[in-house]
Amino acid sequence: MQNSGLTDVQSTFLIKRIVSAAPAWDSLIELSFLPNKMKDAYRQLLKIRLARL
């Protein structure tokens, strides 16, 4: 994470926490009151954002 102000250790720790939280986010999306089409869109967005890490 260049230019983020974080050390390599901090950025690695943060990325690991984000990736490990992904299944919980998916569960929350499933439990939400959003229409299925919007749930699918949020899941796709999550997948794209996680791939950037």
PDB file of N, CA and C in Angstrom:
ATOM      1  N   MET A   1       0.853  -1.180   0.000  1.00  0.00           N
ATOM      2  CA  MET A   1       0.000   0.000   0.000  1.00  0.00           C
ATOM      3  C   MET A   1       0.895   1.238   0.000  1.00  0.00           C
ATOM      4  N   GLN A   2       1.380   1.529  -1.130  1.00  0.00           N
ATOM      5  CA  GLN A   2       2.256   2.688  -1.246  1.00  0.00           C
ATOM      6  C   GLN A   2       1.474   3.970  -1.019  1.00  0.00           C
ATOM      7  N   ASN A   3       2.128   4.915  -0.390  1.00  0.00           N
ATOM      8  CA  ASN A   3       1.550   6.234  -0.120  1.00  0.00           C
ATOM      9  C   ASN A   3       0.320   6.200   0.784  1.00  0.00           C
ATOM     10  N   SER A   4       0.145   5.124   1.526  1.00  0.00           N
ATOM     11  CA  SER A   4      -1.002   5.052   2.436  1.00  0.00           C
ATOM     12  C   SER A   4      -0.638   5.519   3.841  1.00  0.00           C
ATOM     13  N   GLY A   5       0.660   5.633   4.107  1.00  0.00           N
ATOM     14  CA  GLY A   5       1.089   5.995   5.442  1.00  0.00           C
ATOM     15  C   GLY A   5       1.192   4.805   6.369  1.00  0.00           C
ATOM     16  N   LEU A   6       0.961   3.597   5.854  1.00  0.00           N
ATOM     17  CA  LEU A   6       1.037   2.380   6.657  1.00  0.00           C
ATOM     18  C   LEU A   6       2.351   1.664   6.377  1.00  0.00           C
ATOM     19  N   THR A   7       2.861   0.999   7.393  1.00  0.00           N
ATOM     20  CA  THR A   7       4.045   0.171   7.190  1.00  0.00           C
ATOM     21  C   THR A   7       3.629  -1.109   6.473  1.00  0.00           C
ATOM     22  N   ASP A   8       4.619  -1.863   5.998  1.00  0.00           N
ATOM     23  CA  ASP A   8       4.315  -3.136   5.330  1.00  0.00           C
ATOM     24  C   ASP A   8       3.613  -4.102   6.276  1.00  0.00           C
ATOM     25  N   VAL A   9       4.033  -4.127   7.521  1.00  0.00           N
ATOM     26  CA  VAL A   9       3.414  -5.016   8.507  1.00  0.00           C
ATOM     27  C   VAL A   9       1.956  -4.616   8.734  1.00  0.00           C
ATOM     28  N   GLN A  10       1.700  -3.330   8.853  1.00  0.00           N
ATOM     29  CA  GLN A  10       0.338  -2.857   9.071  1.00  0.00           C
ATOM     30  C   GLN A  10      -0.549  -3.163   7.874  1.00  0.00           C
ATOM     31  N   SER A  11      -0.057  -2.919   6.667  1.00  0.00           N
ATOM     32  CA  SER A  11      -0.870  -3.165   5.482  1.00  0.00           C
ATOM     33  C   SER A  11      -1.152  -4.655   5.294  1.00  0.00           C
ATOM     34  N   THR A  12      -0.162  -5.498   5.581  1.00  0.00           N
ATOM     35  CA  THR A  12      -0.368  -6.949   5.482  1.00  0.00           C
ATOM     36  C   THR A  12      -1.428  -7.402   6.475  1.00  0.00           C
ATOM     37  N   PHE A  13      -1.341  -6.923   7.699  1.00  0.00           N
ATOM     38  CA  PHE A  13      -2.326  -7.262   8.726  1.00  0.00           C
ATOM     39  C   PHE A  13      -3.722  -6.815   8.306  1.00  0.00           C
ATOM     40  N   LEU A  14      -3.832  -5.609   7.790  1.00  0.00           N
ATOM     41  CA  LEU A  14      -5.122  -5.065   7.373  1.00  0.00           C
ATOM     42  C   LEU A  14      -5.726  -5.873   6.227  1.00  0.00           C
ATOM     43  N   ILE A  15      -4.917  -6.230   5.261  1.00  0.00           N
ATOM     44  CA  ILE A  15      -5.400  -7.021   4.122  1.00  0.00           C
ATOM     45  C   ILE A  15      -5.892  -8.389   4.598  1.00  0.00           C
ATOM     46  N   LYS A  16      -5.152  -9.020   5.496  1.00  0.00           N
ATOM     47  CA  LYS A  16      -5.576 -10.323   6.025  1.00  0.00           C
ATOM     48  C   LYS A  16      -6.913 -10.217   6.752  1.00  0.00           C
ATOM     49  N   ARG A  17      -7.100  -9.149   7.517  1.00  0.00           N
ATOM     50  CA  ARG A  17      -8.374  -8.969   8.236  1.00  0.00           C
ATOM     51  C   ARG A  17      -9.526  -8.744   7.268  1.00  0.00           C
ATOM     52  N   ILE A  18      -9.296  -7.972   6.236  1.00  0.00           N
ATOM     53  CA  ILE A  18     -10.345  -7.705   5.250  1.00  0.00           C
ATOM     54  C   ILE A  18     -10.740  -8.996   4.546  1.00  0.00           C
ATOM     55  N   VAL A  19      -9.748  -9.757   4.098  1.00  0.00           N
ATOM     56  CA  VAL A  19     -10.025 -11.011   3.387  1.00  0.00           C
ATOM     57  C   VAL A  19     -10.739 -12.008   4.296  1.00  0.00           C
ATOM     58  N   SER A  20     -10.330 -12.081   5.556  1.00  0.00           N
ATOM     59  CA  SER A  20     -10.977 -13.033   6.462  1.00  0.00           C
ATOM     60  C   SER A  20     -12.407 -12.611   6.814  1.00  0.00           C
ATOM     61  N   ALA A  21     -12.741 -11.343   6.656  1.00  0.00           N
ATOM     62  CA  ALA A  21     -14.095 -10.863   6.952  1.00  0.00           C
ATOM     63  C   ALA A  21     -15.058 -11.060   5.779  1.00  0.00           C
ATOM     64  N   ALA A  22     -14.537 -11.382   4.618  1.00  0.00           N
ATOM     65  CA  ALA A  22     -15.373 -11.505   3.420  1.00  0.00           C
ATOM     66  C   ALA A  22     -16.532 -12.488   3.573  1.00  0.00           C
ATOM     67  N   PRO A  23     -16.332 -13.670   4.149  1.00  0.00           N
ATOM     68  CA  PRO A  23     -17.472 -14.585   4.314  1.00  0.00           C
ATOM     69  C   PRO A  23     -18.589 -13.988   5.181  1.00  0.00           C
ATOM     70  N   ALA A  24     -18.214 -13.235   6.188  1.00  0.00           N
ATOM     71  CA  ALA A  24     -19.229 -12.598   7.035  1.00  0.00           C
ATOM     72  C   ALA A  24     -20.002 -11.546   6.245  1.00  0.00           C
ATOM     73  N   TRP A  25     -19.301 -10.808   5.398  1.00  0.00           N
ATOM     74  CA  TRP A  25     -19.984  -9.815   4.563  1.00  0.00           C
ATOM     75  C   TRP A  25     -20.982 -10.496   3.637  1.00  0.00           C
ATOM     76  N   ASP A  26     -20.569 -11.631   3.063  1.00  0.00           N
ATOM     77  CA  ASP A  26     -21.466 -12.360   2.173  1.00  0.00           C
ATOM     78  C   ASP A  26     -22.714 -12.824   2.925  1.00  0.00           C
ATOM     79  N   SER A  27     -22.532 -13.275   4.150  1.00  0.00           N
ATOM     80  CA  SER A  27     -23.682 -13.696   4.967  1.00  0.00           C
ATOM     81  C   SER A  27     -24.611 -12.527   5.258  1.00  0.00           C
ATOM     82  N   LEU A  28     -24.032 -11.383   5.557  1.00  0.00           N
ATOM     83  CA  LEU A  28     -24.855 -10.201   5.823  1.00  0.00           C
ATOM     84  C   LEU A  28     -25.616  -9.750   4.580  1.00  0.00           C
ATOM     85  N   ILE A  29     -24.974  -9.855   3.434  1.00  0.00           N
ATOM     86  CA  ILE A  29     -25.662  -9.514   2.185  1.00  0.00           C
ATOM     87  C   ILE A  29     -26.858 -10.441   1.995  1.00  0.00           C
ATOM     88  N   GLU A  30     -26.653 -11.726   2.246  1.00  0.00           N
ATOM     89  CA  GLU A  30     -27.738 -12.707   2.081  1.00  0.00           C
ATOM     90  C   GLU A  30     -28.894 -12.432   3.036  1.00  0.00           C
ATOM     91  N   LEU A  31     -28.603 -12.005   4.248  1.00  0.00           N
ATOM     92  CA  LEU A  31     -29.641 -11.743   5.248  1.00  0.00           C
ATOM     93  C   LEU A  31     -30.353 -10.402   5.061  1.00  0.00           C
ATOM     94  N   SER A  32     -29.812  -9.573   4.195  1.00  0.00           N
ATOM     95  CA  SER A  32     -30.375  -8.233   4.028  1.00  0.00           C
ATOM     96  C   SER A  32     -31.743  -8.287   3.342  1.00  0.00           C
ATOM     97  N   PHE A  33     -32.430  -7.179   3.394  1.00  0.00           N
ATOM     98  CA  PHE A  33     -33.752  -7.071   2.766  1.00  0.00           C
ATOM     99  C   PHE A  33     -33.662  -6.571   1.330  1.00  0.00           C
ATOM    100  N   LEU A  34     -32.472  -6.541   0.782  1.00  0.00           N
ATOM    101  CA  LEU A  34     -32.291  -6.087  -0.589  1.00  0.00           C
ATOM    102  C   LEU A  34     -32.908  -7.081  -1.571  1.00  0.00           C
ATOM    103  N   PRO A  35     -33.332  -6.595  -2.725  1.00  0.00           N
ATOM    104  CA  PRO A  35     -33.790  -7.526  -3.764  1.00  0.00           C
ATOM    105  C   PRO A  35     -32.619  -8.419  -4.207  1.00  0.00           C
ATOM    106  N   ASN A  36     -32.933  -9.599  -4.686  1.00  0.00           N
ATOM    107  CA  ASN A  36     -31.895 -10.545  -5.093  1.00  0.00           C
ATOM    108  C   ASN A  36     -30.949  -9.960  -6.136  1.00  0.00           C
ATOM    109  N   LYS A  37     -31.476  -9.156  -7.037  1.00  0.00           N
ATOM    110  CA  LYS A  37     -30.636  -8.542  -8.061  1.00  0.00           C
ATOM    111  C   LYS A  37     -29.576  -7.636  -7.415  1.00  0.00           C
ATOM    112  N   MET A  38     -29.973  -6.889  -6.399  1.00  0.00           N
ATOM    113  CA  MET A  38     -29.043  -5.995  -5.710  1.00  0.00           C
ATOM    114  C   MET A  38     -28.044  -6.803  -4.873  1.00  0.00           C
ATOM    115  N   LYS A  39     -28.499  -7.898  -4.282  1.00  0.00           N
ATOM    116  CA  LYS A  39     -27.591  -8.765  -3.530  1.00  0.00           C
ATOM    117  C   LYS A  39     -26.490  -9.293  -4.445  1.00  0.00           C
ATOM    118  N   ASP A  40     -26.897  -9.730  -5.630  1.00  0.00           N
ATOM    119  CA  ASP A  40     -25.918 -10.236  -6.594  1.00  0.00           C
ATOM    120  C   ASP A  40     -24.927  -9.145  -6.996  1.00  0.00           C
ATOM    121  N   ALA A  41     -25.425  -7.937  -7.155  1.00  0.00           N
ATOM    122  CA  ALA A  41     -24.552  -6.817  -7.524  1.00  0.00           C
ATOM    123  C   ALA A  41     -23.546  -6.525  -6.412  1.00  0.00           C
ATOM    124  N   TYR A  42     -23.991  -6.563  -5.163  1.00  0.00           N
ATOM    125  CA  TYR A  42     -23.086  -6.328  -4.034  1.00  0.00           C
ATOM    126  C   TYR A  42     -22.055  -7.442  -3.918  1.00  0.00           C
ATOM    127  N   ARG A  43     -22.467  -8.678  -4.149  1.00  0.00           N
ATOM    128  CA  ARG A  43     -21.515  -9.793  -4.107  1.00  0.00           C
ATOM    129  C   ARG A  43     -20.457  -9.638  -5.194  1.00  0.00           C
ATOM    130  N   GLN A  44     -20.886  -9.236  -6.366  1.00  0.00           N
ATOM    131  CA  GLN A  44     -19.946  -9.032  -7.471  1.00  0.00           C
ATOM    132  C   GLN A  44     -18.966  -7.906  -7.134  1.00  0.00           C
ATOM    133  N   LEU A  45     -19.472  -6.820  -6.557  1.00  0.00           N
ATOM    134  CA  LEU A  45     -18.620  -5.707  -6.160  1.00  0.00           C
ATOM    135  C   LEU A  45     -17.601  -6.160  -5.111  1.00  0.00           C
ATOM    136  N   LEU A  46     -18.036  -6.939  -4.151  1.00  0.00           N
ATOM    137  CA  LEU A  46     -17.144  -7.459  -3.112  1.00  0.00           C
ATOM    138  C   LEU A  46     -16.050  -8.319  -3.737  1.00  0.00           C
ATOM    139  N   LYS A  47     -16.440  -9.161  -4.673  1.00  0.00           N
ATOM    140  CA  LYS A  47     -15.471 -10.037  -5.354  1.00  0.00           C
ATOM    141  C   LYS A  47     -14.421  -9.216  -6.106  1.00  0.00           C
ATOM    142  N   ILE A  48     -14.861  -8.184  -6.790  1.00  0.00           N
ATOM    143  CA  ILE A  48     -13.940  -7.319  -7.542  1.00  0.00           C
ATOM    144  C   ILE A  48     -12.993  -6.582  -6.609  1.00  0.00           C
ATOM    145  N   ARG A  49     -13.532  -6.045  -5.533  1.00  0.00           N
ATOM    146  CA  ARG A  49     -12.700  -5.285  -4.581  1.00  0.00           C
ATOM    147  C   ARG A  49     -11.683  -6.193  -3.882  1.00  0.00           C
ATOM    148  N   LEU A  50     -12.093  -7.406  -3.530  1.00  0.00           N
ATOM    149  CA  LEU A  50     -11.161  -8.340  -2.889  1.00  0.00           C
ATOM    150  C   LEU A  50     -10.053  -8.761  -3.856  1.00  0.00           C
ATOM    151  N   ALA A  51     -10.385  -8.878  -5.123  1.00  0.00           N
ATOM    152  CA  ALA A  51      -9.382  -9.260  -6.112  1.00  0.00           C
ATOM    153  C   ALA A  51      -8.300  -8.183  -6.263  1.00  0.00           C
ATOM    154  N   ARG A  52      -8.655  -6.935  -5.981  1.00  0.00           N
ATOM    155  CA  ARG A  52      -7.677  -5.844  -6.068  1.00  0.00           C
ATOM    156  C   ARG A  52      -6.610  -5.941  -4.991  1.00  0.00           C
ATOM    157  N   LEU A  53      -6.965  -6.587  -3.884  1.00  0.00           N
ATOM    158  CA  LEU A  53      -6.015  -6.700  -2.787  1.00  0.00           C
ATOM    159  C   LEU A  53      -4.938  -7.684  -3.151  1.00  0.00           C
TER     160      LEU A  53
END
